[in-house]
Amino acid sequence: MAAFIDDFDDDPFAARWTQEMGSAAYDSTDDEIDVSFTGSHVILSYLANGPGSIEHEAQVTAIAGDDRVLGPAVRIDGAGPDAYTLDLDDDDNLRIRRIIAGGTEDVISNQVSGVTFTVGNWYTLRLAAAGGVGSNVALSAWVFDHGTSKPSLGGSGNWQGVDASPHITATDTEANRLDGASHANCGIGGRSASNADYDTRLDFWKERAISDRGGVGPTLPWLPRQTNLHGPTGAQMIPGGMTPPNRP
């Protein structure tokens, strides 16, 4: 699967990342990125390997700061800079924002995520953007709470959430939606914690094109009881040799 992973085990700003907006620094002690709150957004863009499509997604694992967790960014165009960003706040809301030219901020979605925000817990936030060039942008967001212990590669290195069941969804139909071929990068973005000196500790970032998910699809239902498929003993069977559960 064409997914790229960065665990920040060396300085990411030396070659493969660029700071499009805001202020960030490499923490060589923890192999993480720390972001300073400057009263505006942060957009960090990953340049080494593009997802190959504007239909893409990214996720990042970070510790909860003073009042929010900084998340991933998609549809980045560094010339703006433009991006959709994601963060989780202390009201348990996931907030998707559209940033235009590094200044205009529009909240595309602000919904209770079903996940409780706890300062000091590690979270993985994931954001996906679907829809081709010139089309409305379908946005999906996931969040996973790892608790107080730093996970390994964002939770065994897996993509968090179930592809068919994001925590929140939204569709950007506005004229200034990010739907151009130049909106091709993924990264990290959003608003950081309000304490300017807080150690945001961003780690375990991943990106991929949505087409690279692989194996994503609906779960096949059990066949109805009256199926005519039978095993060698006459027991009702389904393809693969599994016996379905009893049903009323």
C-alpha atoms as a PDB file:
ATOM      1  CA  MET A   1       0.000   0.000   0.000  1.00  0.00           C
ATOM      2  CA  ALA A   2       1.439   3.355  -1.007  1.00  0.00           C
ATOM      3  CA  ALA A   3       1.437   5.021   2.405  1.00  0.00           C
ATOM      4  CA  PHE A   4       4.319   7.111   3.690  1.00  0.00           C
ATOM      5  CA  ILE A   5       5.248   7.219   7.366  1.00  0.00           C
ATOM      6  CA  ASP A   6       7.348   9.728   9.301  1.00  0.00           C
ATOM      7  CA  ASP A   7       8.253   9.111  12.937  1.00  0.00           C
ATOM      8  CA  PHE A   8      10.524  12.182  13.086  1.00  0.00           C
ATOM      9  CA  ASP A   9      13.606  10.231  14.146  1.00  0.00           C
ATOM     10  CA  ASP A  10      15.678  12.983  12.509  1.00  0.00           C
ATOM     11  CA  ASP A  11      15.116  16.658  11.727  1.00  0.00           C
ATOM     12  CA  PRO A  12      12.075  16.738   9.411  1.00  0.00           C
ATOM     13  CA  PHE A  13      12.738  20.336   8.325  1.00  0.00           C
ATOM     14  CA  ALA A  14      16.174  19.514   6.934  1.00  0.00           C
ATOM     15  CA  ALA A  15      14.775  18.122   3.691  1.00  0.00           C
ATOM     16  CA  ARG A  16      11.259  16.648   3.645  1.00  0.00           C
ATOM     17  CA  TRP A  17       8.995  19.103   5.539  1.00  0.00           C
ATOM     18  CA  THR A  18       8.412  22.836   5.152  1.00  0.00           C
ATOM     19  CA  GLN A  19       6.689  25.331   7.431  1.00  0.00           C
ATOM     20  CA  GLU A  20       4.000  27.006   5.354  1.00  0.00           C
ATOM     21  CA  MET A  21       2.407  28.868   8.268  1.00  0.00           C
ATOM     22  CA  GLY A  22       3.021  29.241  11.987  1.00  0.00           C
ATOM     23  CA  SER A  23       6.058  28.262  14.009  1.00  0.00           C
ATOM     24  CA  ALA A  24       7.381  24.763  14.699  1.00  0.00           C
ATOM     25  CA  ALA A  25      10.656  23.257  15.872  1.00  0.00           C
ATOM     26  CA  TYR A  26      12.205  19.802  15.894  1.00  0.00           C
ATOM     27  CA  ASP A  27      12.551  18.185  19.326  1.00  0.00           C
ATOM     28  CA  SER A  28      15.562  15.894  18.947  1.00  0.00           C
ATOM     29  CA  THR A  29      15.200  14.613  22.512  1.00  0.00           C
ATOM     30  CA  ASP A  30      11.785  13.034  21.893  1.00  0.00           C
ATOM     31  CA  ASP A  31      12.033  12.767  18.073  1.00  0.00           C
ATOM     32  CA  GLU A  32       8.929  14.902  17.723  1.00  0.00           C
ATOM     33  CA  ILE A  33       7.738  18.272  16.394  1.00  0.00           C
ATOM     34  CA  ASP A  34       6.780  21.047  18.809  1.00  0.00           C
ATOM     35  CA  VAL A  35       4.516  23.883  17.682  1.00  0.00           C
ATOM     36  CA  SER A  36       4.333  27.366  19.197  1.00  0.00           C
ATOM     37  CA  PHE A  37       0.941  29.069  19.444  1.00  0.00           C
ATOM     38  CA  THR A  38       1.049  32.390  17.613  1.00  0.00           C
ATOM     39  CA  GLY A  39      -2.643  33.269  17.566  1.00  0.00           C
ATOM     40  CA  SER A  40      -3.116  31.806  14.110  1.00  0.00           C
ATOM     41  CA  HIS A  41      -2.960  28.536  12.273  1.00  0.00           C
ATOM     42  CA  VAL A  42      -0.110  26.131  11.751  1.00  0.00           C
ATOM     43  CA  ILE A  43       0.404  24.435   8.380  1.00  0.00           C
ATOM     44  CA  LEU A  44       3.326  22.059   7.919  1.00  0.00           C
ATOM     45  CA  SER A  45       3.650  20.417   4.512  1.00  0.00           C
ATOM     46  CA  TYR A  46       5.298  17.086   3.698  1.00  0.00           C
ATOM     47  CA  LEU A  47       7.163  17.351   0.385  1.00  0.00           C
ATOM     48  CA  ALA A  48       9.257  14.200   0.050  1.00  0.00           C
ATOM     49  CA  ASN A  49       6.579  11.865  -1.367  1.00  0.00           C
ATOM     50  CA  GLY A  50       3.256  13.248  -2.559  1.00  0.00           C
ATOM     51  CA  PRO A  51       0.106  11.110  -2.301  1.00  0.00           C
ATOM     52  CA  GLY A  52      -0.294  11.207  -6.096  1.00  0.00           C
ATOM     53  CA  SER A  53      -3.871  12.426  -5.918  1.00  0.00           C
ATOM     54  CA  ILE A  54      -5.859  15.283  -4.393  1.00  0.00           C
ATOM     55  CA  GLU A  55      -8.130  12.533  -3.048  1.00  0.00           C
ATOM     56  CA  HIS A  56      -5.977  11.713  -0.070  1.00  0.00           C
ATOM     57  CA  GLU A  57      -5.781  11.493   3.700  1.00  0.00           C
ATOM     58  CA  ALA A  58      -3.322  11.977   6.526  1.00  0.00           C
ATOM     59  CA  GLN A  59      -3.140  11.240  10.234  1.00  0.00           C
ATOM     60  CA  VAL A  60      -0.926  12.366  13.077  1.00  0.00           C
ATOM     61  CA  THR A  61      -0.458  11.241  16.675  1.00  0.00           C
ATOM     62  CA  ALA A  62      -0.020  13.978  19.282  1.00  0.00           C
ATOM     63  CA  ILE A  63      -0.446  14.666  22.978  1.00  0.00           C
ATOM     64  CA  ALA A  64      -3.381  16.802  24.185  1.00  0.00           C
ATOM     65  CA  GLY A  65      -2.214  20.257  25.197  1.00  0.00           C
ATOM     66  CA  ASP A  66      -3.812  23.014  27.190  1.00  0.00           C
ATOM     67  CA  ASP A  67      -7.100  23.028  25.301  1.00  0.00           C
ATOM     68  CA  ARG A  68      -6.711  21.138  22.013  1.00  0.00           C
ATOM     69  CA  VAL A  69      -4.876  18.539  19.961  1.00  0.00           C
ATOM     70  CA  LEU A  70      -3.296  19.568  16.684  1.00  0.00           C
ATOM     71  CA  GLY A  71      -4.116  17.255  13.798  1.00  0.00           C
ATOM     72  CA  PRO A  72      -3.418  16.509  10.124  1.00  0.00           C
ATOM     73  CA  ALA A  73      -3.874  18.745   7.091  1.00  0.00           C
ATOM     74  CA  VAL A  74      -4.964  17.787   3.564  1.00  0.00           C
ATOM     75  CA  ARG A  75      -5.365  19.576   0.215  1.00  0.00           C
ATOM     76  CA  ILE A  76      -2.350  21.759   1.009  1.00  0.00           C
ATOM     77  CA  ASP A  77      -1.101  24.244  -1.582  1.00  0.00           C
ATOM     78  CA  GLY A  78       2.024  25.890  -0.225  1.00  0.00           C
ATOM     79  CA  ALA A  79       1.698  28.852  -2.585  1.00  0.00           C
ATOM     80  CA  GLY A  80      -1.346  30.021  -0.611  1.00  0.00           C
ATOM     81  CA  PRO A  81      -0.847  28.556   1.759  1.00  0.00           C
ATOM     82  CA  ASP A  82      -4.199  26.749   1.563  1.00  0.00           C
ATOM     83  CA  ALA A  83      -5.281  23.679   3.509  1.00  0.00           C
ATOM     84  CA  TYR A  84      -8.042  21.826   5.271  1.00  0.00           C
ATOM     85  CA  THR A  85      -7.000  21.256   8.884  1.00  0.00           C
ATOM     86  CA  LEU A  86      -8.318  19.260  11.827  1.00  0.00           C
ATOM     87  CA  ASP A  87      -8.093  19.643  15.590  1.00  0.00           C
ATOM     88  CA  LEU A  88      -9.835  18.286  18.699  1.00  0.00           C
ATOM     89  CA  ASP A  89     -10.727  20.795  21.436  1.00  0.00           C
ATOM     90  CA  ASP A  90     -11.586  20.626  25.123  1.00  0.00           C
ATOM     91  CA  ASP A  91     -15.319  20.686  24.320  1.00  0.00           C
ATOM     92  CA  ASP A  92     -14.771  17.281  22.656  1.00  0.00           C
ATOM     93  CA  ASN A  93     -15.361  18.841  19.228  1.00  0.00           C
ATOM     94  CA  LEU A  94     -13.589  17.863  16.053  1.00  0.00           C
ATOM     95  CA  ARG A  95     -13.192  21.009  13.967  1.00  0.00           C
ATOM     96  CA  ILE A  96     -12.430  20.971  10.236  1.00  0.00           C
ATOM     97  CA  ARG A  97     -11.285  24.320   8.860  1.00  0.00           C
ATOM     98  CA  ARG A  98     -10.524  25.705   5.421  1.00  0.00           C
ATOM     99  CA  ILE A  99      -7.504  28.023   5.301  1.00  0.00           C
ATOM    100  CA  ILE A 100      -7.135  30.294   2.266  1.00  0.00           C
ATOM    101  CA  ALA A 101      -3.931  32.207   1.493  1.00  0.00           C
ATOM    102  CA  GLY A 102      -2.734  31.822   5.055  1.00  0.00           C
ATOM    103  CA  GLY A 103      -5.405  34.157   6.367  1.00  0.00           C
ATOM    104  CA  THR A 104      -9.048  33.429   5.642  1.00  0.00           C
ATOM    105  CA  GLU A 105     -10.362  30.753   7.979  1.00  0.00           C
ATOM    106  CA  ASP A 106     -13.740  29.084   7.507  1.00  0.00           C
ATOM    107  CA  VAL A 107     -15.030  26.366   9.819  1.00  0.00           C
ATOM    108  CA  ILE A 108     -16.398  23.641   7.567  1.00  0.00           C
ATOM    109  CA  SER A 109     -17.517  21.410  10.439  1.00  0.00           C
ATOM    110  CA  ASN A 110     -17.574  21.700  14.225  1.00  0.00           C
ATOM    111  CA  GLN A 111     -19.132  18.593  15.757  1.00  0.00           C
ATOM    112  CA  VAL A 112     -18.936  16.647  19.006  1.00  0.00           C
ATOM    113  CA  SER A 113     -16.727  13.710  18.145  1.00  0.00           C
ATOM    114  CA  GLY A 114     -17.851  11.157  20.725  1.00  0.00           C
ATOM    115  CA  VAL A 115     -14.292  11.130  22.093  1.00  0.00           C
ATOM    116  CA  THR A 116     -13.467  12.785  25.427  1.00  0.00           C
ATOM    117  CA  PHE A 117     -10.652  15.339  25.435  1.00  0.00           C
ATOM    118  CA  THR A 118      -8.192  14.791  28.293  1.00  0.00           C
ATOM    119  CA  VAL A 119      -5.068  16.894  28.797  1.00  0.00           C
ATOM    120  CA  GLY A 120      -2.010  14.644  28.690  1.00  0.00           C
ATOM    121  CA  ASN A 121      -3.624  11.849  26.662  1.00  0.00           C
ATOM    122  CA  TRP A 122      -2.221  10.807  23.283  1.00  0.00           C
ATOM    123  CA  TYR A 123      -4.581  10.997  20.309  1.00  0.00           C
ATOM    124  CA  THR A 124      -4.406  10.075  16.643  1.00  0.00           C
ATOM    125  CA  LEU A 125      -6.414  12.384  14.375  1.00  0.00           C
ATOM    126  CA  ARG A 126      -7.091  11.525  10.739  1.00  0.00           C
ATOM    127  CA  LEU A 127      -8.568  13.609   7.920  1.00  0.00           C
ATOM    128  CA  ALA A 128      -9.553  12.563   4.381  1.00  0.00           C
ATOM    129  CA  ALA A 129     -10.610  14.626   1.364  1.00  0.00           C
ATOM    130  CA  ALA A 130     -12.455  13.064  -1.587  1.00  0.00           C
ATOM    131  CA  GLY A 131     -13.671  14.617  -4.831  1.00  0.00           C
ATOM    132  CA  GLY A 132     -11.772  15.302  -8.025  1.00  0.00           C
ATOM    133  CA  VAL A 133     -10.506  18.569  -9.477  1.00  0.00           C
ATOM    134  CA  GLY A 134     -13.368  21.067  -9.702  1.00  0.00           C
ATOM    135  CA  SER A 135     -15.704  18.910  -7.583  1.00  0.00           C
ATOM    136  CA  ASN A 136     -17.226  19.383  -4.153  1.00  0.00           C
ATOM    137  CA  VAL A 137     -14.914  18.177  -1.391  1.00  0.00           C
ATOM    138  CA  ALA A 138     -16.165  15.371   0.871  1.00  0.00           C
ATOM    139  CA  LEU A 139     -14.306  15.527   4.179  1.00  0.00           C
ATOM    140  CA  SER A 140     -14.147  12.758   6.776  1.00  0.00           C
ATOM    141  CA  ALA A 141     -12.480  12.830  10.186  1.00  0.00           C
ATOM    142  CA  TRP A 142     -11.541  10.208  12.752  1.00  0.00           C
ATOM    143  CA  VAL A 143     -10.043  10.440  16.245  1.00  0.00           C
ATOM    144  CA  PHE A 144      -8.623   7.733  18.506  1.00  0.00           C
ATOM    145  CA  ASP A 145      -7.739   8.117  22.208  1.00  0.00           C
ATOM    146  CA  HIS A 146      -4.616   6.155  23.206  1.00  0.00           C
ATOM    147  CA  GLY A 147      -4.660   7.201  26.865  1.00  0.00           C
ATOM    148  CA  THR A 148      -1.673   8.530  28.781  1.00  0.00           C
ATOM    149  CA  SER A 149       0.980   6.210  27.321  1.00  0.00           C
ATOM    150  CA  LYS A 150       2.612   7.207  24.061  1.00  0.00           C
ATOM    151  CA  PRO A 151       1.608   4.592  21.468  1.00  0.00           C
ATOM    152  CA  SER A 152       3.947   2.826  19.091  1.00  0.00           C
ATOM    153  CA  LEU A 153       3.658   4.350  15.610  1.00  0.00           C
ATOM    154  CA  GLY A 154       0.227   5.772  16.311  1.00  0.00           C
ATOM    155  CA  GLY A 155      -1.208   2.481  17.500  1.00  0.00           C
ATOM    156  CA  SER A 156       0.791  -0.341  15.927  1.00  0.00           C
ATOM    157  CA  GLY A 157       1.245   1.811  12.816  1.00  0.00           C
ATOM    158  CA  ASN A 158      -2.311   1.241  11.644  1.00  0.00           C
ATOM    159  CA  TRP A 159      -4.694   3.712  10.111  1.00  0.00           C
ATOM    160  CA  GLN A 160      -7.049   4.766  12.884  1.00  0.00           C
ATOM    161  CA  GLY A 161     -10.791   4.485  12.549  1.00  0.00           C
ATOM    162  CA  VAL A 162     -12.888   2.372  10.233  1.00  0.00           C
ATOM    163  CA  ASP A 163     -12.887   3.627   6.657  1.00  0.00           C
ATOM    164  CA  ALA A 164     -16.669   3.381   6.381  1.00  0.00           C
ATOM    165  CA  SER A 165     -17.355   5.016   9.769  1.00  0.00           C
ATOM    166  CA  PRO A 166     -15.662   8.375  10.370  1.00  0.00           C
ATOM    167  CA  HIS A 167     -16.514  10.267  13.539  1.00  0.00           C
ATOM    168  CA  ILE A 168     -17.687  13.298  11.543  1.00  0.00           C
ATOM    169  CA  THR A 169     -18.245  14.147   7.878  1.00  0.00           C
ATOM    170  CA  ALA A 170     -18.809  17.360   5.936  1.00  0.00           C
ATOM    171  CA  THR A 171     -18.993  18.469   2.315  1.00  0.00           C
ATOM    172  CA  ASP A 172     -17.460  21.730   1.141  1.00  0.00           C
ATOM    173  CA  THR A 173     -19.578  23.121  -1.701  1.00  0.00           C
ATOM    174  CA  GLU A 174     -18.387  26.735  -1.509  1.00  0.00           C
ATOM    175  CA  ALA A 175     -16.821  28.499  -4.464  1.00  0.00           C
ATOM    176  CA  ASN A 176     -13.498  28.817  -2.618  1.00  0.00           C
ATOM    177  CA  ARG A 177     -13.295  25.126  -1.726  1.00  0.00           C
ATOM    178  CA  LEU A 178      -9.889  23.525  -2.163  1.00  0.00           C
ATOM    179  CA  ASP A 179     -10.495  21.589  -5.369  1.00  0.00           C
ATOM    180  CA  GLY A 180      -7.581  22.453  -7.627  1.00  0.00           C
ATOM    181  CA  ALA A 181      -4.814  20.244  -8.953  1.00  0.00           C
ATOM    182  CA  SER A 182      -2.339  22.328  -6.917  1.00  0.00           C
ATOM    183  CA  HIS A 183      -3.943  21.195  -3.636  1.00  0.00           C
ATOM    184  CA  ALA A 184      -1.868  18.042  -3.745  1.00  0.00           C
ATOM    185  CA  ASN A 185       0.094  17.871  -0.481  1.00  0.00           C
ATOM    186  CA  CYS A 186      -0.634  16.435   2.948  1.00  0.00           C
ATOM    187  CA  GLY A 187       0.794  17.472   6.281  1.00  0.00           C
ATOM    188  CA  ILE A 188      -0.056  18.762   9.744  1.00  0.00           C
ATOM    189  CA  GLY A 189      -2.283  21.728  10.538  1.00  0.00           C
ATOM    190  CA  GLY A 190      -4.806  23.394  12.786  1.00  0.00           C
ATOM    191  CA  ARG A 191      -4.733  25.467  15.934  1.00  0.00           C
ATOM    192  CA  SER A 192      -2.372  24.418  18.666  1.00  0.00           C
ATOM    193  CA  ALA A 193      -2.922  24.637  22.421  1.00  0.00           C
ATOM    194  CA  SER A 194      -3.372  28.168  23.763  1.00  0.00           C
ATOM    195  CA  ASN A 195      -0.315  27.992  26.040  1.00  0.00           C
ATOM    196  CA  ALA A 196       2.494  29.390  23.899  1.00  0.00           C
ATOM    197  CA  ASP A 197       5.140  27.251  25.573  1.00  0.00           C
ATOM    198  CA  TYR A 198       3.266  23.956  25.602  1.00  0.00           C
ATOM    199  CA  ASP A 199       5.143  20.913  24.311  1.00  0.00           C
ATOM    200  CA  THR A 200       2.771  19.778  21.559  1.00  0.00           C
ATOM    201  CA  ARG A 201       4.766  16.617  20.799  1.00  0.00           C
ATOM    202  CA  LEU A 202       3.603  15.717  17.299  1.00  0.00           C
ATOM    203  CA  ASP A 203       4.653  12.287  16.133  1.00  0.00           C
ATOM    204  CA  PHE A 204       3.823   9.275  13.921  1.00  0.00           C
ATOM    205  CA  TRP A 205       2.512  11.022  10.805  1.00  0.00           C
ATOM    206  CA  LYS A 206       1.172   9.121   7.776  1.00  0.00           C
ATOM    207  CA  GLU A 207      -0.320   9.956   4.378  1.00  0.00           C
ATOM    208  CA  ARG A 208      -1.784   8.080   1.422  1.00  0.00           C
ATOM    209  CA  ALA A 209      -4.092   8.463  -1.547  1.00  0.00           C
ATOM    210  CA  ILE A 210      -7.611   7.236  -0.811  1.00  0.00           C
ATOM    211  CA  SER A 211      -7.272   4.844  -3.758  1.00  0.00           C
ATOM    212  CA  ASP A 212      -4.388   3.178  -1.902  1.00  0.00           C
ATOM    213  CA  ARG A 213      -6.486   2.106   1.064  1.00  0.00           C
ATOM    214  CA  GLY A 214      -6.993  -1.359  -0.405  1.00  0.00           C
ATOM    215  CA  GLY A 215      -9.532  -3.876   0.763  1.00  0.00           C
ATOM    216  CA  VAL A 216     -12.023  -1.215   1.767  1.00  0.00           C
ATOM    217  CA  GLY A 217     -15.620  -2.181   1.206  1.00  0.00           C
ATOM    218  CA  PRO A 218     -18.836  -3.179   2.930  1.00  0.00           C
ATOM    219  CA  THR A 219     -18.871  -6.219   5.169  1.00  0.00           C
ATOM    220  CA  LEU A 220     -20.779  -9.042   3.526  1.00  0.00           C
ATOM    221  CA  PRO A 221     -23.920  -9.950   5.486  1.00  0.00           C
ATOM    222  CA  TRP A 222     -24.699 -13.489   6.610  1.00  0.00           C
ATOM    223  CA  LEU A 223     -26.773 -15.391   4.083  1.00  0.00           C
ATOM    224  CA  PRO A 224     -30.439 -15.829   5.095  1.00  0.00           C
ATOM    225  CA  ARG A 225     -31.433 -19.006   6.960  1.00  0.00           C
ATOM    226  CA  GLN A 226     -33.336 -20.402   4.012  1.00  0.00           C
ATOM    227  CA  THR A 227     -30.211 -20.632   1.860  1.00  0.00           C
ATOM    228  CA  ASN A 228     -29.852 -23.875  -0.081  1.00  0.00           C
ATOM    229  CA  LEU A 229     -26.113 -24.162   0.591  1.00  0.00           C
ATOM    230  CA  HIS A 230     -25.286 -27.190   2.774  1.00  0.00           C
ATOM    231  CA  GLY A 231     -22.122 -28.790   4.034  1.00  0.00           C
ATOM    232  CA  PRO A 232     -21.235 -32.484   3.774  1.00  0.00           C
ATOM    233  CA  THR A 233     -23.226 -33.273   6.954  1.00  0.00           C
ATOM    234  CA  GLY A 234     -26.272 -31.389   5.747  1.00  0.00           C
ATOM    235  CA  ALA A 235     -25.576 -28.398   7.988  1.00  0.00           C
ATOM    236  CA  GLN A 236     -26.415 -25.045   6.504  1.00  0.00           C
ATOM    237  CA  MET A 237     -23.221 -23.343   5.275  1.00  0.00           C
ATOM    238  CA  ILE A 238     -22.069 -20.096   3.740  1.00  0.00           C
ATOM    239  CA  PRO A 239     -19.202 -19.643   1.249  1.00  0.00           C
ATOM    240  CA  GLY A 240     -15.892 -20.319   2.955  1.00  0.00           C
ATOM    241  CA  GLY A 241     -17.230 -23.215   5.000  1.00  0.00           C
ATOM    242  CA  MET A 242     -18.497 -21.170   7.965  1.00  0.00           C
ATOM    243  CA  THR A 243     -21.770 -21.979   9.686  1.00  0.00           C
ATOM    244  CA  PRO A 244     -23.900 -18.865  10.241  1.00  0.00           C
ATOM    245  CA  PRO A 245     -25.171 -18.041  13.731  1.00  0.00           C
ATOM    246  CA  ASN A 246     -28.659 -19.082  14.809  1.00  0.00           C
ATOM    247  CA  ARG A 247     -31.306 -16.506  14.094  1.00  0.00           C
ATOM    248  CA  PRO A 248     -34.862 -16.124  15.314  1.00  0.00           C
END
